[in-house]
């Protein structure tokens, strides 16, 4: 796995601040929430993964470079 640069992690943190709402668009995990599930960001870790409290109770992170979500307005 290739880890993102510090600059990239900084950009992800700026793009997905704590408290923002997101919607899952892709996650390759057998325990993943259903695509379209919404949640609230509670941080971005040092690998650029977006940590989310999903509305269905899951806390799986959106892994940088593997999974994806979109920020809701």
C-alpha atoms as a PDB file:
ATOM      1  CA  UNK A   1       0.000   0.000   0.000  1.00  0.00           C
ATOM      2  CA  UNK A   2       1.288   3.448  -0.910  1.00  0.00           C
ATOM      3  CA  UNK A   3       0.741   6.064   1.756  1.00  0.00           C
ATOM      4  CA  UNK A   4      -0.152   9.618   0.733  1.00  0.00           C
ATOM      5  CA  UNK A   5       2.215  12.515   1.335  1.00  0.00           C
ATOM      6  CA  UNK A   6       1.772  14.884   4.270  1.00  0.00           C
ATOM      7  CA  UNK A   7       0.500  17.506   1.829  1.00  0.00           C
ATOM      8  CA  UNK A   8      -2.155  15.117   0.524  1.00  0.00           C
ATOM      9  CA  UNK A   9      -3.297  14.213   4.051  1.00  0.00           C
ATOM     10  CA  UNK A  10      -3.503  17.926   4.860  1.00  0.00           C
ATOM     11  CA  UNK A  11      -5.723  18.489   1.787  1.00  0.00           C
ATOM     12  CA  UNK A  12      -7.996  15.586   2.755  1.00  0.00           C
ATOM     13  CA  UNK A  13      -8.334  17.039   6.278  1.00  0.00           C
ATOM     14  CA  UNK A  14      -9.218  20.435   4.831  1.00  0.00           C
ATOM     15  CA  UNK A  15     -11.737  18.888   2.423  1.00  0.00           C
ATOM     16  CA  UNK A  16     -13.408  16.690   5.075  1.00  0.00           C
ATOM     17  CA  UNK A  17     -13.412  18.648   8.350  1.00  0.00           C
ATOM     18  CA  UNK A  18     -14.733  17.152  11.584  1.00  0.00           C
ATOM     19  CA  UNK A  19     -18.515  17.389  11.630  1.00  0.00           C
ATOM     20  CA  UNK A  20     -19.090  17.438   7.878  1.00  0.00           C
ATOM     21  CA  UNK A  21     -21.595  15.028   6.388  1.00  0.00           C
ATOM     22  CA  UNK A  22     -20.665  12.471   3.729  1.00  0.00           C
ATOM     23  CA  UNK A  23     -22.346   9.791   1.634  1.00  0.00           C
ATOM     24  CA  UNK A  24     -20.641   6.481   0.839  1.00  0.00           C
ATOM     25  CA  UNK A  25     -20.095   5.916  -2.890  1.00  0.00           C
ATOM     26  CA  UNK A  26     -17.711   2.922  -2.889  1.00  0.00           C
ATOM     27  CA  UNK A  27     -16.258   0.583  -0.260  1.00  0.00           C
ATOM     28  CA  UNK A  28     -14.769  -2.850  -0.932  1.00  0.00           C
ATOM     29  CA  UNK A  29     -15.369  -4.501   2.438  1.00  0.00           C
ATOM     30  CA  UNK A  30     -17.759  -7.330   3.321  1.00  0.00           C
ATOM     31  CA  UNK A  31     -18.895  -5.336   6.373  1.00  0.00           C
ATOM     32  CA  UNK A  32     -19.298  -2.046   4.506  1.00  0.00           C
ATOM     33  CA  UNK A  33     -22.423   0.042   4.918  1.00  0.00           C
ATOM     34  CA  UNK A  34     -24.774   0.036   1.934  1.00  0.00           C
ATOM     35  CA  UNK A  35     -23.741   2.441  -0.837  1.00  0.00           C
ATOM     36  CA  UNK A  36     -25.610   5.692  -0.223  1.00  0.00           C
ATOM     37  CA  UNK A  37     -25.341   5.446   3.573  1.00  0.00           C
ATOM     38  CA  UNK A  38     -24.658   8.837   5.129  1.00  0.00           C
ATOM     39  CA  UNK A  39     -22.504   9.680   8.110  1.00  0.00           C
ATOM     40  CA  UNK A  40     -20.563  12.320  10.023  1.00  0.00           C
ATOM     41  CA  UNK A  41     -16.785  12.726   9.776  1.00  0.00           C
ATOM     42  CA  UNK A  42     -14.955  12.579  13.104  1.00  0.00           C
ATOM     43  CA  UNK A  43     -11.423  12.874  11.733  1.00  0.00           C
ATOM     44  CA  UNK A  44      -8.840  11.982   9.110  1.00  0.00           C
ATOM     45  CA  UNK A  45      -6.001   9.704  10.175  1.00  0.00           C
ATOM     46  CA  UNK A  46      -2.319   9.946   9.195  1.00  0.00           C
ATOM     47  CA  UNK A  47      -2.883   7.652   6.181  1.00  0.00           C
ATOM     48  CA  UNK A  48      -5.553   9.985   4.757  1.00  0.00           C
ATOM     49  CA  UNK A  49      -8.440   7.689   5.626  1.00  0.00           C
ATOM     50  CA  UNK A  50     -11.654   9.515   6.509  1.00  0.00           C
ATOM     51  CA  UNK A  51     -13.057   8.335   9.834  1.00  0.00           C
ATOM     52  CA  UNK A  52     -16.861   8.333   9.774  1.00  0.00           C
ATOM     53  CA  UNK A  53     -19.650   7.593  12.235  1.00  0.00           C
ATOM     54  CA  UNK A  54     -22.142   6.115   9.758  1.00  0.00           C
ATOM     55  CA  UNK A  55     -25.842   6.651  10.442  1.00  0.00           C
ATOM     56  CA  UNK A  56     -26.356   2.862  10.531  1.00  0.00           C
ATOM     57  CA  UNK A  57     -23.985   2.551  13.529  1.00  0.00           C
ATOM     58  CA  UNK A  58     -20.861   1.451  11.645  1.00  0.00           C
ATOM     59  CA  UNK A  59     -17.533   3.219  12.160  1.00  0.00           C
ATOM     60  CA  UNK A  60     -15.585   1.854   9.170  1.00  0.00           C
ATOM     61  CA  UNK A  61     -13.201   4.403   7.693  1.00  0.00           C
ATOM     62  CA  UNK A  62     -13.161   5.425   4.045  1.00  0.00           C
ATOM     63  CA  UNK A  63      -9.678   4.190   3.092  1.00  0.00           C
ATOM     64  CA  UNK A  64      -7.635   6.675   1.054  1.00  0.00           C
ATOM     65  CA  UNK A  65      -7.082   5.438  -2.505  1.00  0.00           C
ATOM     66  CA  UNK A  66      -9.409   2.443  -2.092  1.00  0.00           C
ATOM     67  CA  UNK A  67     -12.863   3.620  -1.031  1.00  0.00           C
ATOM     68  CA  UNK A  68     -14.759   6.806  -1.758  1.00  0.00           C
ATOM     69  CA  UNK A  69     -17.413   9.097  -0.396  1.00  0.00           C
ATOM     70  CA  UNK A  70     -18.826  12.463  -1.355  1.00  0.00           C
ATOM     71  CA  UNK A  71     -19.205  15.472   0.865  1.00  0.00           C
ATOM     72  CA  UNK A  72     -22.784  16.641   1.313  1.00  0.00           C
ATOM     73  CA  UNK A  73     -23.661  20.319   1.304  1.00  0.00           C
END
